[in-house]
Amino acid sequence: MKKIVILILLLAAVGGIIYVMQNKKSDSALREEGIGEVMESMPEPPPVSPIDPPAPTPTPPPADPDGGPIKDDMGDVDVAPAKVFNITGKNFSFSQTEIKVKNGDRVLINFESTDGFHDWVVDEFKANTERVNPGTKTSVEFIADKTGTFEYYCSVSIHRAAGMKGKLIVE
């Protein structure tokens, strides 16, 4: 068995050497094909002076102190600040049972459980926080891009059926 393995390895090595020798091209063969000439005709890159100053890094403009729209980091698109809601959850209710926003608003929900294991979910916007224990905070941000009244709720066990829900109203 060992002899067969050694013979196979020896044949593979010899075959590999023959293949490499036949396919190896010399520098002169490359020049004949024009590859060497292309390489030789390429211009040298320009030298970089050590005294050239680095390119300035653009900085985003500051937020509007009046709470109005701000510019994004490119400075050409208005980005409205998020409407922020701080909500707590306990067995079996939220601290706020109604949230009103306008169509197109960015909405940021900061959620904290004060009693029990909870989360905050609104299906129509595919928005949900992580499930958290008391004292733990989590957040979710989404765009309210549909008008109507939507139910938000806690998805843990039977919490929704027990009344842990509220209304998100998008006008």
C-alpha atoms as a PDB file:
ATOM      1  CA  MET A   1       0.000   0.000   0.000  1.00  0.00           C
ATOM      2  CA  LYS A   2       2.830   2.408   0.889  1.00  0.00           C
ATOM      3  CA  LYS A   3       4.481   1.739  -2.458  1.00  0.00           C
ATOM      4  CA  ILE A   4       1.340   2.722  -4.354  1.00  0.00           C
ATOM      5  CA  VAL A   5       0.980   5.987  -2.428  1.00  0.00           C
ATOM      6  CA  ILE A   6       4.652   6.846  -2.995  1.00  0.00           C
ATOM      7  CA  LEU A   7       4.340   6.028  -6.706  1.00  0.00           C
ATOM      8  CA  ILE A   8       1.253   8.245  -7.066  1.00  0.00           C
ATOM      9  CA  LEU A   9       2.968  11.148  -5.281  1.00  0.00           C
ATOM     10  CA  LEU A  10       6.082  10.739  -7.409  1.00  0.00           C
ATOM     11  CA  LEU A  11       4.034  10.736 -10.642  1.00  0.00           C
ATOM     12  CA  ALA A  12       2.108  13.824  -9.517  1.00  0.00           C
ATOM     13  CA  ALA A  13       5.349  15.691  -8.711  1.00  0.00           C
ATOM     14  CA  VAL A  14       6.951  14.792 -12.048  1.00  0.00           C
ATOM     15  CA  GLY A  15       3.780  15.770 -13.911  1.00  0.00           C
ATOM     16  CA  GLY A  16       3.678  19.112 -12.108  1.00  0.00           C
ATOM     17  CA  ILE A  17       7.299  19.876 -12.960  1.00  0.00           C
ATOM     18  CA  ILE A  18       6.735  19.034 -16.630  1.00  0.00           C
ATOM     19  CA  TYR A  19       3.620  21.230 -16.755  1.00  0.00           C
ATOM     20  CA  VAL A  20       5.423  24.207 -15.191  1.00  0.00           C
ATOM     21  CA  MET A  21       8.424  23.832 -17.523  1.00  0.00           C
ATOM     22  CA  GLN A  22       6.234  23.757 -20.632  1.00  0.00           C
ATOM     23  CA  ASN A  23       4.094  26.750 -19.629  1.00  0.00           C
ATOM     24  CA  LYS A  24       6.880  28.961 -18.304  1.00  0.00           C
ATOM     25  CA  LYS A  25       7.615  31.924 -20.572  1.00  0.00           C
ATOM     26  CA  SER A  26      10.843  33.836 -20.461  1.00  0.00           C
ATOM     27  CA  ASP A  27      11.103  37.626 -20.387  1.00  0.00           C
ATOM     28  CA  SER A  28      12.029  37.603 -24.053  1.00  0.00           C
ATOM     29  CA  ALA A  29       8.872  35.621 -24.902  1.00  0.00           C
ATOM     30  CA  LEU A  30       6.781  38.175 -23.021  1.00  0.00           C
ATOM     31  CA  ARG A  31       8.465  41.016 -24.952  1.00  0.00           C
ATOM     32  CA  GLU A  32       7.694  39.233 -28.203  1.00  0.00           C
ATOM     33  CA  GLU A  33       4.017  39.220 -27.222  1.00  0.00           C
ATOM     34  CA  GLY A  34       4.190  42.951 -26.434  1.00  0.00           C
ATOM     35  CA  ILE A  35       3.498  42.634 -22.720  1.00  0.00           C
ATOM     36  CA  GLY A  36       6.961  43.814 -21.746  1.00  0.00           C
ATOM     37  CA  GLU A  37       6.693  46.837 -24.047  1.00  0.00           C
ATOM     38  CA  VAL A  38       3.420  47.908 -22.452  1.00  0.00           C
ATOM     39  CA  MET A  39       4.989  47.716 -19.023  1.00  0.00           C
ATOM     40  CA  GLU A  40       8.040  49.694 -20.152  1.00  0.00           C
ATOM     41  CA  SER A  41       5.909  52.390 -21.821  1.00  0.00           C
ATOM     42  CA  MET A  42       3.852  53.138 -18.703  1.00  0.00           C
ATOM     43  CA  PRO A  43       4.696  56.583 -17.265  1.00  0.00           C
ATOM     44  CA  GLU A  44       6.178  56.945 -13.826  1.00  0.00           C
ATOM     45  CA  PRO A  45       3.719  58.175 -11.186  1.00  0.00           C
ATOM     46  CA  PRO A  46       4.287  61.801 -10.177  1.00  0.00           C
ATOM     47  CA  PRO A  47       6.414  62.272  -7.075  1.00  0.00           C
ATOM     48  CA  VAL A  48       4.618  63.173  -3.872  1.00  0.00           C
ATOM     49  CA  SER A  49       6.035  66.131  -2.098  1.00  0.00           C
ATOM     50  CA  PRO A  50       6.293  65.747   1.676  1.00  0.00           C
ATOM     51  CA  ILE A  51       5.264  69.387   2.068  1.00  0.00           C
ATOM     52  CA  ASP A  52       1.913  69.006   0.257  1.00  0.00           C
ATOM     53  CA  PRO A  53      -0.829  69.635   2.854  1.00  0.00           C
ATOM     54  CA  PRO A  54      -3.397  66.870   3.358  1.00  0.00           C
ATOM     55  CA  ALA A  55      -6.803  67.340   1.767  1.00  0.00           C
ATOM     56  CA  PRO A  56      -9.241  69.040   4.143  1.00  0.00           C
ATOM     57  CA  THR A  57     -11.804  66.799   5.793  1.00  0.00           C
ATOM     58  CA  PRO A  58     -15.339  68.142   5.405  1.00  0.00           C
ATOM     59  CA  THR A  59     -17.208  68.611   8.646  1.00  0.00           C
ATOM     60  CA  PRO A  60     -20.965  68.423   8.859  1.00  0.00           C
ATOM     61  CA  PRO A  61     -22.707  71.679   9.658  1.00  0.00           C
ATOM     62  CA  PRO A  62     -24.060  72.072  13.191  1.00  0.00           C
ATOM     63  CA  ALA A  63     -27.666  71.265  13.949  1.00  0.00           C
ATOM     64  CA  ASP A  64     -30.137  74.108  13.753  1.00  0.00           C
ATOM     65  CA  PRO A  65     -30.520  75.413  17.334  1.00  0.00           C
ATOM     66  CA  ASP A  66     -34.228  76.045  16.701  1.00  0.00           C
ATOM     67  CA  GLY A  67     -34.783  72.323  16.089  1.00  0.00           C
ATOM     68  CA  GLY A  68     -35.355  72.763  12.349  1.00  0.00           C
ATOM     69  CA  PRO A  69     -33.983  70.605   9.565  1.00  0.00           C
ATOM     70  CA  ILE A  70     -30.255  69.991   9.464  1.00  0.00           C
ATOM     71  CA  LYS A  71     -27.966  69.139   6.565  1.00  0.00           C
ATOM     72  CA  ASP A  72     -26.469  65.688   6.150  1.00  0.00           C
ATOM     73  CA  ASP A  73     -22.693  65.181   6.039  1.00  0.00           C
ATOM     74  CA  MET A  74     -22.660  66.053   2.310  1.00  0.00           C
ATOM     75  CA  GLY A  75     -24.415  69.345   3.039  1.00  0.00           C
ATOM     76  CA  ASP A  76     -26.967  68.965   0.290  1.00  0.00           C
ATOM     77  CA  VAL A  77     -29.908  67.050   1.748  1.00  0.00           C
ATOM     78  CA  ASP A  78     -32.139  68.281   4.533  1.00  0.00           C
ATOM     79  CA  VAL A  79     -32.493  65.706   7.299  1.00  0.00           C
ATOM     80  CA  ALA A  80     -35.229  66.328   9.856  1.00  0.00           C
ATOM     81  CA  PRO A  81     -34.427  65.478  13.455  1.00  0.00           C
ATOM     82  CA  ALA A  82     -36.193  62.449  14.884  1.00  0.00           C
ATOM     83  CA  LYS A  83     -39.285  62.801  17.052  1.00  0.00           C
ATOM     84  CA  VAL A  84     -38.114  61.216  20.298  1.00  0.00           C
ATOM     85  CA  PHE A  85     -40.400  59.340  22.691  1.00  0.00           C
ATOM     86  CA  ASN A  86     -39.162  57.926  26.001  1.00  0.00           C
ATOM     87  CA  ILE A  87     -41.445  55.060  26.977  1.00  0.00           C
ATOM     88  CA  THR A  88     -41.323  52.671  29.922  1.00  0.00           C
ATOM     89  CA  GLY A  89     -43.045  49.339  30.235  1.00  0.00           C
ATOM     90  CA  LYS A  90     -44.291  47.460  33.297  1.00  0.00           C
ATOM     91  CA  ASN A  91     -46.676  44.548  33.832  1.00  0.00           C
ATOM     92  CA  PHE A  92     -49.000  45.085  31.725  1.00  0.00           C
ATOM     93  CA  SER A  93     -48.897  48.662  30.467  1.00  0.00           C
ATOM     94  CA  PHE A  94     -46.815  51.313  28.740  1.00  0.00           C
ATOM     95  CA  SER A  95     -46.176  54.755  30.235  1.00  0.00           C
ATOM     96  CA  GLN A  96     -47.657  56.299  27.100  1.00  0.00           C
ATOM     97  CA  THR A  97     -50.680  54.787  25.338  1.00  0.00           C
ATOM     98  CA  GLU A  98     -50.831  57.222  22.427  1.00  0.00           C
ATOM     99  CA  ILE A  99     -48.112  58.634  20.178  1.00  0.00           C
ATOM    100  CA  LYS A 100     -48.867  61.237  17.469  1.00  0.00           C
ATOM    101  CA  VAL A 101     -46.503  62.010  14.579  1.00  0.00           C
ATOM    102  CA  LYS A 102     -46.749  63.361  11.041  1.00  0.00           C
ATOM    103  CA  ASN A 103     -46.403  61.327   7.863  1.00  0.00           C
ATOM    104  CA  GLY A 104     -42.702  61.220   6.924  1.00  0.00           C
ATOM    105  CA  ASP A 105     -41.415  61.849  10.467  1.00  0.00           C
ATOM    106  CA  ARG A 106     -38.385  59.992  11.739  1.00  0.00           C
ATOM    107  CA  VAL A 107     -39.471  58.403  15.019  1.00  0.00           C
ATOM    108  CA  LEU A 108     -37.085  57.322  17.778  1.00  0.00           C
ATOM    109  CA  ILE A 109     -38.496  55.173  20.581  1.00  0.00           C
ATOM    110  CA  ASN A 110     -36.303  54.912  23.689  1.00  0.00           C
ATOM    111  CA  PHE A 111     -37.754  52.040  25.694  1.00  0.00           C
ATOM    112  CA  GLU A 112     -37.003  50.845  29.208  1.00  0.00           C
ATOM    113  CA  SER A 113     -38.619  48.112  31.260  1.00  0.00           C
ATOM    114  CA  THR A 114     -39.298  49.104  34.861  1.00  0.00           C
ATOM    115  CA  ASP A 115     -40.986  45.840  35.861  1.00  0.00           C
ATOM    116  CA  GLY A 116     -40.861  42.518  34.006  1.00  0.00           C
ATOM    117  CA  PHE A 117     -39.533  41.391  30.614  1.00  0.00           C
ATOM    118  CA  HIS A 118     -40.882  43.548  27.741  1.00  0.00           C
ATOM    119  CA  ASP A 119     -40.393  45.065  24.290  1.00  0.00           C
ATOM    120  CA  TRP A 120     -42.092  47.640  22.042  1.00  0.00           C
ATOM    121  CA  VAL A 121     -43.374  46.587  18.573  1.00  0.00           C
ATOM    122  CA  VAL A 122     -45.338  48.182  15.714  1.00  0.00           C
ATOM    123  CA  ASP A 123     -45.745  45.726  12.834  1.00  0.00           C
ATOM    124  CA  GLU A 124     -46.710  48.116  10.021  1.00  0.00           C
ATOM    125  CA  PHE A 125     -43.328  49.861  10.180  1.00  0.00           C
ATOM    126  CA  LYS A 126     -41.327  46.710  10.982  1.00  0.00           C
ATOM    127  CA  ALA A 127     -40.130  48.462  14.118  1.00  0.00           C
ATOM    128  CA  ASN A 128     -39.339  46.636  17.325  1.00  0.00           C
ATOM    129  CA  THR A 129     -36.983  47.028  20.229  1.00  0.00           C
ATOM    130  CA  GLU A 130     -35.059  44.241  21.865  1.00  0.00           C
ATOM    131  CA  ARG A 131     -36.758  42.415  24.718  1.00  0.00           C
ATOM    132  CA  VAL A 132     -35.317  43.768  27.945  1.00  0.00           C
ATOM    133  CA  ASN A 133     -35.355  43.139  31.681  1.00  0.00           C
ATOM    134  CA  PRO A 134     -35.995  45.843  34.309  1.00  0.00           C
ATOM    135  CA  GLY A 135     -33.427  48.641  34.238  1.00  0.00           C
ATOM    136  CA  THR A 136     -32.303  47.874  30.679  1.00  0.00           C
ATOM    137  CA  LYS A 137     -32.774  50.406  27.885  1.00  0.00           C
ATOM    138  CA  THR A 138     -33.165  49.803  24.155  1.00  0.00           C
ATOM    139  CA  SER A 139     -34.157  51.912  21.142  1.00  0.00           C
ATOM    140  CA  VAL A 140     -35.654  51.637  17.685  1.00  0.00           C
ATOM    141  CA  GLU A 141     -35.847  54.256  14.931  1.00  0.00           C
ATOM    142  CA  PHE A 142     -38.111  54.202  11.879  1.00  0.00           C
ATOM    143  CA  ILE A 143     -39.809  56.460   9.327  1.00  0.00           C
ATOM    144  CA  ALA A 144     -43.578  56.867   9.771  1.00  0.00           C
ATOM    145  CA  ASP A 145     -44.321  56.703   6.043  1.00  0.00           C
ATOM    146  CA  LYS A 146     -48.000  55.629   6.174  1.00  0.00           C
ATOM    147  CA  THR A 147     -50.928  57.571   7.562  1.00  0.00           C
ATOM    148  CA  GLY A 148     -53.402  55.970   9.906  1.00  0.00           C
ATOM    149  CA  THR A 149     -53.722  54.562  13.397  1.00  0.00           C
ATOM    150  CA  PHE A 150     -51.466  51.625  14.212  1.00  0.00           C
ATOM    151  CA  GLU A 151     -51.282  49.467  17.307  1.00  0.00           C
ATOM    152  CA  TYR A 152     -48.018  49.133  19.167  1.00  0.00           C
ATOM    153  CA  TYR A 153     -47.670  46.408  21.766  1.00  0.00           C
ATOM    154  CA  CYS A 154     -45.447  44.152  23.861  1.00  0.00           C
ATOM    155  CA  SER A 155     -44.823  40.858  22.040  1.00  0.00           C
ATOM    156  CA  VAL A 156     -43.826  38.884  25.141  1.00  0.00           C
ATOM    157  CA  SER A 157     -46.158  35.996  25.948  1.00  0.00           C
ATOM    158  CA  ILE A 158     -49.737  37.200  26.562  1.00  0.00           C
ATOM    159  CA  HIS A 159     -48.812  40.805  27.408  1.00  0.00           C
ATOM    160  CA  ARG A 160     -50.622  42.217  24.354  1.00  0.00           C
ATOM    161  CA  ALA A 161     -53.821  40.328  25.191  1.00  0.00           C
ATOM    162  CA  ALA A 162     -53.491  41.523  28.783  1.00  0.00           C
ATOM    163  CA  GLY A 163     -53.668  45.125  27.575  1.00  0.00           C
ATOM    164  CA  MET A 164     -50.022  46.085  27.041  1.00  0.00           C
ATOM    165  CA  LYS A 165     -50.640  48.101  23.882  1.00  0.00           C
ATOM    166  CA  GLY A 166     -51.105  51.628  22.579  1.00  0.00           C
ATOM    167  CA  LYS A 167     -51.864  53.675  19.462  1.00  0.00           C
ATOM    168  CA  LEU A 168     -49.394  55.226  17.028  1.00  0.00           C
ATOM    169  CA  ILE A 169     -51.278  57.903  15.095  1.00  0.00           C
ATOM    170  CA  VAL A 170     -49.633  59.103  11.881  1.00  0.00           C
ATOM    171  CA  GLU A 171     -51.354  62.199  10.458  1.00  0.00           C
END
